[in-house]
Amino acid sequence: MSNVIFDLISLLVKHYQLFLILPIILAFKAEKHYVGRASILANTVGMFVSVAPYWDATRSWLNIRGFPLFHAYVLLGLVFGLIAFLSYIFEVSQEGDFYVFTFILYNSVIAGIVCFIAALIL
């Protein structure tokens, strides 16, 4: 029994990024009704945190003519996450286009896939 527990704990420690999927799942549930700043923040930060430890290894993901498009995508997500965070803290809503754009690029399905791949492949 203790070996099973030890193996489970080892698996969780090795693939700790899987825990990043939990807030993304909550964001996904909320996105059924609307896209909110909390889900934008959870998705964009979750993606960055899951990829950051493997920044050099992911440099080749969507690398177009030497430009790391995937890294630019993740970093742009952090900018949107920061905007969402600050607008939530200061109680200032963004324009509707902001929510549509971030939903298209940084929705919970995409964020979950990125975190899942980072946790299991890298």
Protein backbone atom coordinates (compact mmCIF):
# COMPACT_ATOMS: atom_id res chain seq x y z
CA MET A 1 0.00 0.00 0.00
CA SER A 2 2.77 2.46 0.88
CA ASN A 3 4.47 1.78 -2.48
CA VAL A 4 1.28 2.77 -4.29
CA ILE A 5 1.07 6.01 -2.30
CA PHE A 6 4.77 6.70 -2.87
CA ASP A 7 4.37 6.07 -6.62
CA LEU A 8 1.33 8.36 -6.76
CA ILE A 9 3.14 11.14 -4.92
CA SER A 10 6.17 10.72 -7.20
CA LEU A 11 3.92 10.96 -10.25
CA LEU A 12 2.27 14.14 -8.93
CA VAL A 13 5.61 15.74 -8.07
CA LYS A 14 7.09 14.88 -11.46
CA HIS A 15 4.05 16.18 -13.35
CA TYR A 16 3.13 19.07 -11.02
CA GLN A 17 1.96 21.14 -13.99
CA LEU A 18 -1.17 18.99 -14.08
CA PHE A 19 -2.37 20.96 -11.06
CA LEU A 20 -2.46 24.04 -13.28
CA ILE A 21 -5.33 22.43 -15.12
CA LEU A 22 -7.59 22.69 -12.03
CA PRO A 23 -8.17 26.49 -12.21
CA ILE A 24 -8.44 26.16 -15.98
CA ILE A 25 -11.26 23.64 -15.52
CA LEU A 26 -13.05 26.15 -13.28
CA ALA A 27 -12.52 28.82 -15.91
CA PHE A 28 -13.92 26.48 -18.56
CA LYS A 29 -17.06 25.97 -16.48
CA ALA A 30 -17.47 29.74 -16.16
CA GLU A 31 -16.88 30.25 -19.88
CA LYS A 32 -20.13 28.43 -20.63
CA HIS A 33 -21.90 31.61 -19.60
CA TYR A 34 -19.35 34.34 -20.31
CA VAL A 35 -15.65 35.04 -20.60
CA GLY A 36 -14.35 36.76 -17.53
CA ARG A 37 -11.18 38.37 -16.36
CA ALA A 38 -10.58 35.61 -13.80
CA SER A 39 -10.64 32.93 -16.48
CA ILE A 40 -8.39 34.99 -18.75
CA LEU A 41 -5.90 35.34 -15.91
CA ALA A 42 -6.07 31.64 -14.97
CA ASN A 43 -5.59 30.51 -18.56
CA THR A 44 -2.75 32.84 -19.54
CA VAL A 45 -0.77 32.46 -16.31
CA GLY A 46 -1.34 28.70 -16.30
CA MET A 47 0.05 28.42 -19.81
CA PHE A 48 3.12 30.49 -18.96
CA VAL A 49 3.86 28.67 -15.70
CA SER A 50 3.55 25.26 -17.37
CA VAL A 51 5.93 26.22 -20.20
CA ALA A 52 8.42 28.45 -18.32
CA PRO A 53 10.53 25.64 -16.81
CA TYR A 54 11.04 24.30 -20.34
CA TRP A 55 11.51 27.61 -22.14
CA ASP A 56 14.55 26.48 -24.11
CA ALA A 57 13.01 23.10 -24.97
CA THR A 58 9.84 24.77 -26.32
CA ARG A 59 11.72 27.31 -28.45
CA SER A 60 11.18 25.14 -31.51
CA TRP A 61 7.39 24.97 -31.03
CA LEU A 62 5.87 27.03 -33.86
CA ASN A 63 9.22 28.52 -34.75
CA ILE A 64 8.81 30.37 -38.05
CA ARG A 65 12.02 31.52 -39.75
CA GLY A 66 13.82 31.76 -36.45
CA PHE A 67 10.98 33.63 -34.72
CA PRO A 68 9.60 31.69 -31.73
CA LEU A 69 5.90 32.27 -32.44
CA PHE A 70 4.79 29.99 -29.58
CA HIS A 71 6.83 31.99 -27.07
CA ALA A 72 5.43 35.25 -28.44
CA TYR A 73 1.94 33.78 -28.08
CA VAL A 74 2.56 32.79 -24.45
CA LEU A 75 4.13 36.17 -23.59
CA LEU A 76 1.28 38.06 -25.27
CA GLY A 77 -1.05 35.97 -23.12
CA LEU A 78 0.72 37.26 -20.02
CA VAL A 79 0.04 40.81 -21.19
CA PHE A 80 -3.66 40.00 -21.58
CA GLY A 81 -3.63 38.27 -18.20
CA LEU A 82 -2.07 41.33 -16.58
CA ILE A 83 -4.68 43.59 -18.20
CA ALA A 84 -7.43 41.28 -16.94
CA PHE A 85 -5.92 41.25 -13.45
CA LEU A 86 -5.53 45.01 -13.22
CA SER A 87 -8.96 45.72 -14.64
CA TYR A 88 -10.47 43.33 -12.11
CA ILE A 89 -8.55 44.86 -9.19
CA PHE A 90 -9.48 48.40 -10.21
CA GLU A 91 -13.04 47.37 -11.19
CA VAL A 92 -12.75 48.64 -14.74
CA SER A 93 -14.37 46.52 -17.43
CA GLN A 94 -12.70 46.12 -20.80
CA GLU A 95 -14.26 46.59 -24.22
CA GLY A 96 -16.17 43.62 -25.59
CA ASP A 97 -13.51 43.03 -28.26
CA PHE A 98 -10.95 42.34 -25.52
CA TYR A 99 -13.02 39.44 -24.20
CA VAL A 100 -13.76 38.05 -27.66
CA PHE A 101 -10.10 38.24 -28.70
CA THR A 102 -8.80 36.63 -25.51
CA PHE A 103 -11.47 33.94 -25.65
CA ILE A 104 -10.47 33.01 -29.19
CA LEU A 105 -6.73 32.86 -28.42
CA TYR A 106 -6.60 31.91 -24.74
CA ASN A 107 -9.73 29.94 -23.93
CA SER A 108 -9.68 27.15 -21.39
CA VAL A 109 -9.53 24.35 -23.94
CA ILE A 110 -6.34 25.73 -25.49
CA ALA A 111 -4.83 26.51 -22.09
CA GLY A 112 -5.67 23.03 -20.82
CA ILE A 113 -4.05 21.41 -23.84
CA VAL A 114 -0.87 23.46 -23.44
CA CYS A 115 -0.63 22.62 -19.72
CA PHE A 116 -1.35 18.95 -20.35
CA ILE A 117 1.28 18.67 -23.08
CA ALA A 118 3.84 20.55 -20.97
CA ALA A 119 3.16 18.27 -18.01
CA LEU A 120 3.36 14.98 -19.84
CA ILE A 121 5.76 15.50 -22.71
CA LEU A 122 8.35 17.80 -21.26
